[in-house]
Amino acid sequence: MATIAFIGLGNMGGPMASNLVKAGHSLSVYDLVPEAVEKLVNEGARAADNPGQAVEGADFVVTMLPAGKHVAGIYLGEDGLLQSLDPKTVVIDSSTIDAETSRSVGQAAREMGIGMMDCPVSGGVAGAAAGTLSFMCGGAAETFEKAKPILECMGAKIFHAGDHGAGQIAKMCNNMLLSVLMVGTSEALRLGQDNGLDPKVLSEIMGASSGKNWTLEVYNPCPGVMENVPSSNDYKPGFMVDLMCKDLNLALENALQNGSSTPMGALARSLYTSHARKGNGKRDFSSIFEFLG
């Protein structure tokens, strides 16, 4: 079993770290929220007073942080973790951030002889708890093979997308498409309802026809159509509207930098931003169904 430092124990990081403990790994954990650390300690992890202490003697370092500035801040500079890591340590950053920051931190690690992967995830809080996340990984193939057994303790589908930053690009593209599908599915179900159709029957029809898609069959946004999804639990997340807005902002910023045409992504971003401003930021992203009502 490996010695792992896990930094960032939020809604996603906490259950991911928990699955590593359950798999038998030795975990040293750090977070700014004492309660999050205490929960993992009660499960068998060790508490660290700071990130530097957490990574002492670690075979792997896993970070799950809010934004690119936090990732750059913890790894780079004279006091950054890269300065103190053994070159044999494998670094896994599962934060969802801009690809440029992932590339710059990954390149800095490479220059120091440290293998690093950007490994953002898809699957939400439920997937993190169940250990069924999808990991989209960017970095060297050799580092990917070393990281894969650790990732498999937290996820069911592990993809190597390419070099540094490729994981972020893959996640960005996936979630932009997801937002478009959720809006389109919600529109179609609303239109059917407005014409007197039973949304459960309509969902069955579209699920067996060319309109079939993941949001319709697995994460239906209409309350009462499907059990055990946020729409049938007052849109408790799940995957929050605020997080979808974050991912869409990353996608649209990247599209501007690269001159890519993303009109559907831009429209979805506008709709989700308006939805968040009406006080729905902490609700599940499938609540866009109500916004269209």
Protein backbone atom coordinates (compact mmCIF):
# COMPACT_ATOMS: atom_id res chain seq x y z
CA MET A 1 0.00 0.00 0.00
CA ALA A 2 1.12 3.57 -0.72
CA THR A 3 1.75 6.55 1.51
CA ILE A 4 -0.46 9.37 0.20
CA ALA A 5 -0.80 13.05 1.08
CA PHE A 6 -4.29 14.40 0.33
CA ILE A 7 -4.80 18.16 0.38
CA GLY A 8 -8.30 19.62 -0.05
CA LEU A 9 -11.12 17.74 1.70
CA GLY A 10 -14.20 19.53 0.37
CA ASN A 11 -17.39 18.01 -1.04
CA MET A 12 -15.41 16.03 -3.60
CA GLY A 13 -12.00 15.67 -1.93
CA GLY A 14 -13.38 14.33 1.34
CA PRO A 15 -15.07 11.22 -0.08
CA MET A 16 -12.20 10.67 -2.52
CA ALA A 17 -9.75 10.60 0.39
CA SER A 18 -12.11 8.33 2.31
CA ASN A 19 -12.01 5.78 -0.50
CA LEU A 20 -8.21 5.77 -0.41
CA VAL A 21 -8.33 5.00 3.33
CA LYS A 22 -10.85 2.22 2.69
CA ALA A 23 -8.50 0.78 0.06
CA GLY A 24 -5.84 0.40 2.75
CA HIS A 25 -3.52 3.26 1.87
CA SER A 26 -1.74 5.32 4.54
CA LEU A 27 -3.12 8.87 4.31
CA SER A 28 -1.87 12.19 5.66
CA VAL A 29 -4.54 14.87 5.15
CA TYR A 30 -4.73 18.66 5.25
CA ASP A 31 -7.56 21.14 4.84
CA LEU A 32 -8.36 24.62 6.11
CA VAL A 33 -11.59 23.29 7.66
CA PRO A 34 -10.82 21.37 10.87
CA GLU A 35 -14.09 19.41 10.73
CA ALA A 36 -13.16 17.99 7.32
CA VAL A 37 -9.79 16.82 8.66
CA GLU A 38 -11.38 15.35 11.79
CA LYS A 39 -13.78 13.27 9.71
CA LEU A 40 -10.90 11.64 7.84
CA VAL A 41 -8.89 11.15 11.02
CA ASN A 42 -11.86 9.26 12.48
CA GLU A 43 -11.70 7.00 9.43
CA GLY A 44 -8.01 6.25 9.91
CA ALA A 45 -6.07 9.11 8.28
CA ARG A 46 -3.41 11.25 9.99
CA ALA A 47 -3.84 15.00 10.35
CA ALA A 48 -1.11 17.35 9.09
CA ASP A 49 -0.63 20.89 10.41
CA ASN A 50 0.28 22.25 6.97
CA PRO A 51 0.73 21.05 3.37
CA GLY A 52 4.50 20.67 3.78
CA GLN A 53 4.05 18.32 6.70
CA ALA A 54 1.38 16.37 4.82
CA VAL A 55 3.72 15.50 1.93
CA GLU A 56 6.66 14.35 4.04
CA GLY A 57 7.58 10.83 2.92
CA ALA A 58 4.63 10.62 0.50
CA ASP A 59 4.70 8.31 -2.51
CA PHE A 60 1.77 10.22 -4.00
CA VAL A 61 0.34 13.70 -3.48
CA VAL A 62 -3.31 14.33 -4.37
CA THR A 63 -4.75 17.84 -4.40
CA MET A 64 -8.38 18.90 -4.85
CA LEU A 65 -8.46 22.71 -4.76
CA PRO A 66 -10.97 25.41 -5.84
CA ALA A 67 -9.12 27.32 -8.58
CA GLY A 68 -5.93 27.72 -10.59
CA LYS A 69 -4.49 30.34 -8.23
CA HIS A 70 -4.69 27.86 -5.36
CA VAL A 71 -2.97 25.12 -7.35
CA ALA A 72 -0.19 27.45 -8.49
CA GLY A 73 0.14 28.85 -4.98
CA ILE A 74 0.58 25.49 -3.29
CA TYR A 75 3.04 24.00 -5.80
CA LEU A 76 5.11 26.87 -7.19
CA GLY A 77 7.56 29.40 -5.73
CA GLU A 78 10.27 29.11 -3.12
CA ASP A 79 7.84 27.73 -0.54
CA GLY A 80 5.89 25.59 -3.00
CA LEU A 81 5.53 21.84 -2.53
CA LEU A 82 7.54 21.04 -5.65
CA GLN A 83 10.64 22.34 -3.88
CA SER A 84 10.35 19.77 -1.09
CA LEU A 85 9.12 16.68 -2.94
CA ASP A 86 11.29 13.66 -3.67
CA PRO A 87 11.55 13.19 -7.47
CA LYS A 88 10.06 9.71 -7.02
CA THR A 89 6.82 11.23 -5.70
CA VAL A 90 3.89 11.22 -8.14
CA VAL A 91 1.66 14.30 -8.03
CA ILE A 92 -2.04 14.07 -8.93
CA ASP A 93 -3.98 17.33 -9.13
CA SER A 94 -7.71 16.63 -9.42
CA SER A 95 -8.76 20.28 -9.23
CA THR A 96 -10.85 21.64 -12.10
CA ILE A 97 -8.86 24.67 -13.26
CA ASP A 98 -7.71 26.46 -16.40
CA ALA A 99 -5.49 24.41 -18.70
CA GLU A 100 -2.75 27.07 -18.76
CA THR A 101 -2.14 26.78 -15.03
CA SER A 102 -2.08 22.98 -15.28
CA ARG A 103 0.48 23.22 -18.07
CA SER A 104 2.71 25.66 -16.20
CA VAL A 105 2.66 23.70 -12.93
CA GLY A 106 3.12 20.42 -14.81
CA GLN A 107 6.09 21.81 -16.74
CA ALA A 108 7.67 23.12 -13.52
CA ALA A 109 7.32 19.65 -12.01
CA ARG A 110 8.83 18.05 -15.12
CA GLU A 111 11.85 20.35 -14.96
CA MET A 112 12.43 19.17 -11.39
CA GLY A 113 12.15 15.53 -12.43
CA ILE A 114 8.77 15.08 -10.70
CA GLY A 115 5.94 13.23 -12.44
CA MET A 116 2.68 15.17 -12.31
CA MET A 117 -0.78 14.61 -13.76
CA ASP A 118 -3.75 16.95 -14.04
CA CYS A 119 -6.69 14.62 -13.32
CA PRO A 120 -10.00 16.49 -13.06
CA VAL A 121 -13.05 14.35 -12.43
CA SER A 122 -16.61 13.85 -13.60
CA GLY A 123 -19.33 12.14 -11.59
CA GLY A 124 -20.29 14.59 -8.85
CA VAL A 125 -20.47 14.06 -5.10
CA ALA A 126 -22.37 10.77 -5.50
CA GLY A 127 -19.64 9.42 -7.77
CA ALA A 128 -16.94 10.57 -5.36
CA ALA A 129 -18.64 8.75 -2.48
CA ALA A 130 -19.27 5.60 -4.50
CA GLY A 131 -15.78 5.54 -6.00
CA THR A 132 -17.18 5.62 -9.53
CA LEU A 133 -15.68 8.89 -10.78
CA SER A 134 -14.28 9.35 -14.26
CA PHE A 135 -10.73 10.75 -14.31
CA MET A 136 -9.50 12.69 -17.35
CA CYS A 137 -5.72 12.78 -17.11
CA GLY A 138 -3.01 14.93 -18.65
CA GLY A 139 0.71 14.21 -18.33
CA ALA A 140 3.41 11.77 -19.39
CA ALA A 141 2.36 8.19 -20.19
CA GLU A 142 4.88 6.83 -17.67
CA THR A 143 3.43 8.98 -14.88
CA PHE A 144 -0.10 7.98 -15.87
CA GLU A 145 0.75 4.30 -15.41
CA LYS A 146 2.13 5.02 -11.92
CA ALA A 147 -0.90 7.08 -10.94
CA LYS A 148 -3.52 4.73 -12.35
CA PRO A 149 -3.68 2.24 -9.41
CA ILE A 150 -4.32 5.16 -7.02
CA LEU A 151 -6.95 6.67 -9.30
CA GLU A 152 -8.69 3.31 -9.59
CA CYS A 153 -9.35 3.42 -5.83
CA MET A 154 -11.45 6.54 -6.41
CA GLY A 155 -12.89 6.07 -9.87
CA ALA A 156 -14.28 3.54 -12.33
CA LYS A 157 -13.12 5.09 -15.61
CA ILE A 158 -9.57 6.38 -16.05
CA PHE A 159 -8.60 8.12 -19.31
CA HIS A 160 -5.23 9.41 -20.49
CA ALA A 161 -6.13 12.43 -22.63
CA GLY A 162 -2.60 13.59 -23.48
CA ASP A 163 0.16 15.80 -22.06
CA HIS A 164 -0.11 18.41 -19.27
CA GLY A 165 -3.39 20.33 -19.48
CA ALA A 166 -5.13 17.72 -21.64
CA GLY A 167 -7.15 16.47 -18.68
CA GLN A 168 -8.49 19.97 -18.07
CA ILE A 169 -9.40 20.39 -21.74
CA ALA A 170 -11.25 17.06 -21.79
CA LYS A 171 -13.19 17.94 -18.62
CA MET A 172 -14.01 21.38 -19.99
CA CYS A 173 -15.37 19.97 -23.26
CA ASN A 174 -17.36 17.26 -21.49
CA ASN A 175 -19.08 19.65 -19.10
CA MET A 176 -19.84 22.20 -21.78
CA LEU A 177 -21.62 19.43 -23.72
CA LEU A 178 -23.34 18.26 -20.53
CA SER A 179 -24.74 21.75 -19.93
CA VAL A 180 -26.10 21.96 -23.47
CA LEU A 181 -27.70 18.52 -23.16
CA MET A 182 -29.32 19.42 -19.83
CA VAL A 183 -30.79 22.64 -21.20
CA GLY A 184 -32.05 20.89 -24.35
CA THR A 185 -33.56 17.99 -22.42
CA SER A 186 -35.28 20.41 -20.04
CA GLU A 187 -36.69 22.41 -22.95
CA ALA A 188 -38.06 19.28 -24.64
CA LEU A 189 -39.70 17.99 -21.47
CA ARG A 190 -41.21 21.42 -20.75
CA LEU A 191 -42.62 21.61 -24.28
CA GLY A 192 -44.17 18.18 -23.91
CA GLN A 193 -45.71 19.10 -20.56
CA ASP A 194 -47.13 22.33 -21.98
CA ASN A 195 -48.90 20.18 -24.58
CA GLY A 196 -50.35 17.82 -21.99
CA LEU A 197 -47.88 14.94 -22.28
CA ASP A 198 -46.83 12.91 -19.27
CA PRO A 199 -43.08 13.69 -18.84
CA LYS A 200 -42.41 10.10 -17.76
CA VAL A 201 -43.99 8.74 -20.96
CA LEU A 202 -42.23 11.38 -23.06
CA SER A 203 -38.91 10.50 -21.43
CA GLU A 204 -39.46 6.86 -22.31
CA ILE A 205 -40.28 7.74 -25.92
CA MET A 206 -37.27 10.03 -26.36
CA GLY A 207 -35.04 7.52 -24.56
CA ALA A 208 -35.89 4.95 -27.23
CA SER A 209 -35.54 7.45 -30.07
CA SER A 210 -32.92 9.76 -31.54
CA GLY A 211 -33.23 12.19 -28.62
CA LYS A 212 -31.68 9.63 -26.26
CA ASN A 213 -28.96 11.12 -24.03
CA TRP A 214 -27.39 10.80 -20.56
CA THR A 215 -29.34 13.68 -18.96
CA LEU A 216 -32.62 12.10 -20.10
CA GLU A 217 -31.88 8.52 -19.07
CA VAL A 218 -29.62 8.84 -16.01
CA TYR A 219 -30.21 12.33 -14.53
CA ASN A 220 -33.69 13.32 -15.66
CA PRO A 221 -34.35 16.99 -14.74
CA CYS A 222 -38.15 16.70 -14.40
CA PRO A 223 -39.35 16.00 -10.83
CA GLY A 224 -41.03 12.64 -10.35
CA VAL A 225 -39.83 11.01 -13.56
CA MET A 226 -36.89 9.18 -12.00
CA GLU A 227 -36.11 8.12 -8.44
CA ASN A 228 -32.82 8.86 -6.67
CA VAL A 229 -31.87 11.88 -8.77
CA PRO A 230 -31.70 15.52 -7.60
CA SER A 231 -34.84 16.59 -9.47
CA SER A 232 -36.88 14.25 -7.27
CA ASN A 233 -35.16 15.51 -4.11
CA ASP A 234 -35.81 19.26 -4.38
CA TYR A 235 -32.71 19.57 -6.60
CA LYS A 236 -30.25 18.91 -3.79
CA PRO A 237 -26.85 18.44 -5.42
CA GLY A 238 -25.40 16.52 -7.04
CA PHE A 239 -23.44 18.96 -9.08
CA MET A 240 -24.15 22.56 -8.16
CA VAL A 241 -25.18 25.31 -10.57
CA ASP A 242 -22.22 27.37 -9.29
CA LEU A 243 -19.82 24.61 -10.35
CA MET A 244 -21.40 24.37 -13.78
CA CYS A 245 -20.99 28.13 -14.13
CA LYS A 246 -17.32 27.78 -13.16
CA ASP A 247 -16.75 25.07 -15.78
CA LEU A 248 -18.57 27.01 -18.48
CA ASN A 249 -16.52 30.12 -17.69
CA LEU A 250 -13.34 28.07 -18.13
CA ALA A 251 -14.63 26.71 -21.45
CA LEU A 252 -15.62 30.11 -22.81
CA GLU A 253 -12.34 31.73 -21.71
CA ASN A 254 -10.44 28.98 -23.49
CA ALA A 255 -12.61 29.34 -26.59
CA LEU A 256 -11.80 33.06 -26.73
CA GLN A 257 -8.08 32.34 -26.41
CA ASN A 258 -8.17 29.77 -29.21
CA GLY A 259 -10.71 31.44 -31.49
CA SER A 260 -13.08 28.46 -31.17
CA SER A 261 -16.75 28.88 -32.01
CA THR A 262 -18.94 27.74 -29.10
CA PRO A 263 -22.35 29.41 -29.53
CA MET A 264 -24.28 26.69 -27.67
CA GLY A 265 -21.79 26.76 -24.81
CA ALA A 266 -22.10 30.55 -24.63
CA LEU A 267 -25.90 30.33 -24.46
CA ALA A 268 -25.76 27.65 -21.77
CA ARG A 269 -23.35 29.81 -19.78
CA SER A 270 -25.74 32.77 -20.01
CA LEU A 271 -28.70 30.65 -18.86
CA TYR A 272 -26.83 29.08 -15.95
CA THR A 273 -25.42 32.44 -14.86
CA SER A 274 -28.91 33.95 -14.81
CA HIS A 275 -30.19 30.92 -12.89
CA ALA A 276 -27.42 31.30 -10.30
CA ARG A 277 -28.15 35.01 -9.86
CA LYS A 278 -31.71 34.15 -8.89
CA GLY A 279 -30.42 32.34 -5.82
CA ASN A 280 -30.02 28.87 -7.29
CA GLY A 281 -26.24 28.55 -7.23
CA LYS A 282 -26.18 25.86 -4.53
CA ARG A 283 -28.91 23.76 -6.16
CA ASP A 284 -28.25 20.96 -8.61
CA PHE A 285 -27.56 21.98 -12.20
CA SER A 286 -30.61 20.00 -13.38
CA SER A 287 -32.73 22.70 -11.70
CA ILE A 288 -32.35 24.63 -14.96
CA PHE A 289 -35.63 22.79 -15.70
CA GLU A 290 -37.39 25.16 -13.29
CA PHE A 291 -35.70 28.19 -14.82
CA LEU A 292 -37.31 27.28 -18.15
CA GLY A 293 -40.78 26.91 -16.62
